[in-house]
Protein backbone atom coordinates (compact mmCIF):
# COMPACT_ATOMS: atom_id res chain seq x y z
CA MET A 1 13.93 10.73 57.92
CA ARG A 2 14.03 8.46 54.86
CA TYR A 3 15.17 4.85 55.33
CA SER A 4 16.94 2.45 52.98
CA GLY A 5 18.34 -0.86 54.19
CA GLU A 6 17.83 -4.60 54.41
CA ILE A 7 15.76 -7.06 56.41
CA GLY A 8 17.25 -10.43 57.30
CA PHE A 9 14.92 -13.43 57.44
CA GLU A 10 15.37 -17.00 58.60
CA ILE A 11 12.87 -19.09 56.69
CA PRO A 12 12.20 -22.62 57.99
CA VAL A 13 12.94 -25.31 55.39
CA ASN A 14 12.43 -29.05 55.29
CA LYS A 15 15.71 -30.69 54.31
CA GLY A 16 14.11 -34.10 53.96
CA HIS A 17 13.97 -37.21 56.12
CA GLY A 18 12.45 -35.25 59.02
CA VAL A 19 15.35 -32.80 59.17
CA HIS A 20 14.43 -29.12 59.43
CA GLY A 21 16.64 -26.07 59.26
CA PHE A 22 16.63 -22.41 58.32
CA LYS A 23 17.48 -20.60 55.11
CA LYS A 24 18.85 -17.06 55.39
CA VAL A 25 17.23 -14.54 53.06
CA VAL A 26 18.09 -10.83 52.90
CA LYS A 27 15.69 -8.40 51.20
CA PRO A 28 16.13 -4.68 50.47
CA CYS A 29 13.50 -2.34 51.89
CA PHE A 30 12.68 1.36 51.79
CA GLY A 31 10.59 3.63 53.96
CA ASP A 32 10.75 6.17 56.76
CA VAL A 33 12.12 6.27 60.30
CA VAL A 34 9.04 7.29 62.29
CA ARG A 35 10.62 7.21 65.75
CA ALA A 36 14.28 7.47 66.71
CA ASP A 37 15.24 7.01 70.36
CA MET A 38 18.48 5.64 71.82
CA SER A 39 19.55 4.74 75.33
CA ILE A 40 22.89 3.69 76.77
CA GLU A 41 22.97 1.28 79.67
CA LYS A 42 26.26 1.52 81.52
CA ASN A 43 27.75 -1.21 83.63
CA ASP A 44 31.23 -1.90 85.00
CA VAL A 45 32.73 -3.35 81.83
CA ASN A 46 30.82 -2.31 78.72
CA SER A 47 27.98 -0.02 77.77
CA ASP A 48 24.98 -1.48 75.95
CA ILE A 49 23.27 0.60 73.29
CA SER A 50 19.57 0.09 72.81
CA LEU A 51 17.34 1.64 70.22
CA ASN A 52 13.65 2.23 70.55
CA ASP A 53 13.18 3.05 66.88
CA ALA A 54 10.26 2.45 64.57
CA ILE A 55 10.80 2.10 60.84
CA SER A 56 7.87 2.19 58.46
CA ILE A 57 8.46 0.22 55.25
CA LEU A 58 6.33 -0.50 52.22
CA ALA A 59 5.83 -4.26 52.19
CA ASP A 60 6.37 -6.33 49.07
CA PRO A 61 4.70 -9.76 48.74
CA PHE A 62 7.71 -11.61 50.22
CA ILE A 63 7.88 -9.38 53.31
CA SER A 64 4.09 -9.55 53.76
CA ASN A 65 4.08 -13.35 53.67
CA ASN A 66 7.21 -13.87 55.80
CA PHE A 67 7.22 -11.01 58.34
CA MET A 68 7.10 -13.52 61.21
CA TYR A 69 10.54 -14.84 60.19
CA ALA A 70 12.22 -11.40 60.14
CA ARG A 71 15.20 -11.40 62.52
CA TYR A 72 17.04 -8.12 61.91
CA ILE A 73 16.94 -4.85 60.03
CA THR A 74 19.95 -2.77 59.04
CA PHE A 75 20.10 0.80 60.33
CA MET A 76 23.09 3.11 60.81
CA ASN A 77 25.39 0.46 59.24
CA GLU A 78 24.50 -2.13 61.90
CA LYS A 79 22.12 -5.07 62.21
CA TRP A 80 19.41 -4.45 64.83
CA SER A 81 17.09 -7.06 66.36
CA ILE A 82 13.45 -6.74 65.44
CA SER A 83 11.28 -6.64 68.55
CA THR A 84 7.81 -6.23 67.02
CA VAL A 85 6.16 -5.94 63.62
CA ASP A 86 2.92 -3.92 63.33
CA LEU A 87 0.64 -4.72 60.37
CA ASN A 88 -2.19 -2.32 61.31
CA LYS A 89 -1.29 0.19 58.57
CA TYR A 90 -0.87 -2.34 55.74
CA PRO A 91 0.64 -2.05 53.07
CA ARG A 92 2.93 -0.12 55.40
CA ILE A 93 4.59 -2.30 58.03
CA ILE A 94 6.01 -0.71 61.19
CA ILE A 95 9.13 -2.49 62.45
CA ASN A 96 10.28 -1.76 66.01
CA VAL A 97 13.91 -2.41 66.85
CA ARG A 98 15.79 -2.79 70.12
CA GLY A 99 19.38 -3.96 70.63
CA LEU A 100 22.13 -5.02 68.29
CA TYR A 101 21.57 -8.29 66.48
CA THR A 102 24.20 -10.97 66.91
CA GLU A 103 24.55 -14.12 64.86
CA GLU A 104 24.41 -16.15 68.10
CA GLU A 105 20.75 -15.11 68.47
CA SER A 106 20.15 -16.91 65.23
CA GLU A 107 19.10 -20.56 65.13
CA GLU A 108 20.41 -20.74 61.60
CA ASP A 109 21.45 -23.89 59.86
CA GLU A 110 23.61 -23.09 56.85
CA GLU A 111 22.84 -24.95 53.66
């Protein structure tokens, strides 16, 4: 299945005077879904949806140099947390996703 979406990054920045924060950057990406697997964990109140998907994208220079700061990838109109990034097939990068991404996971510091 073809993939088209975005990757959200949080790039560390020095704001001066020893103050550090994060800058949010969103980049478009294209590739293929190489594994699609979903599970639903039911409990008494809500059900949690987890993906075990792998998305293969063609890396541009920004993604190649900042993959360690990638926080989420969009898929099925949602933001999903990135669990691992595999660089073994460079210039293809395999991104594995798990649960839904929430802004609270972020250590962002708006500029």
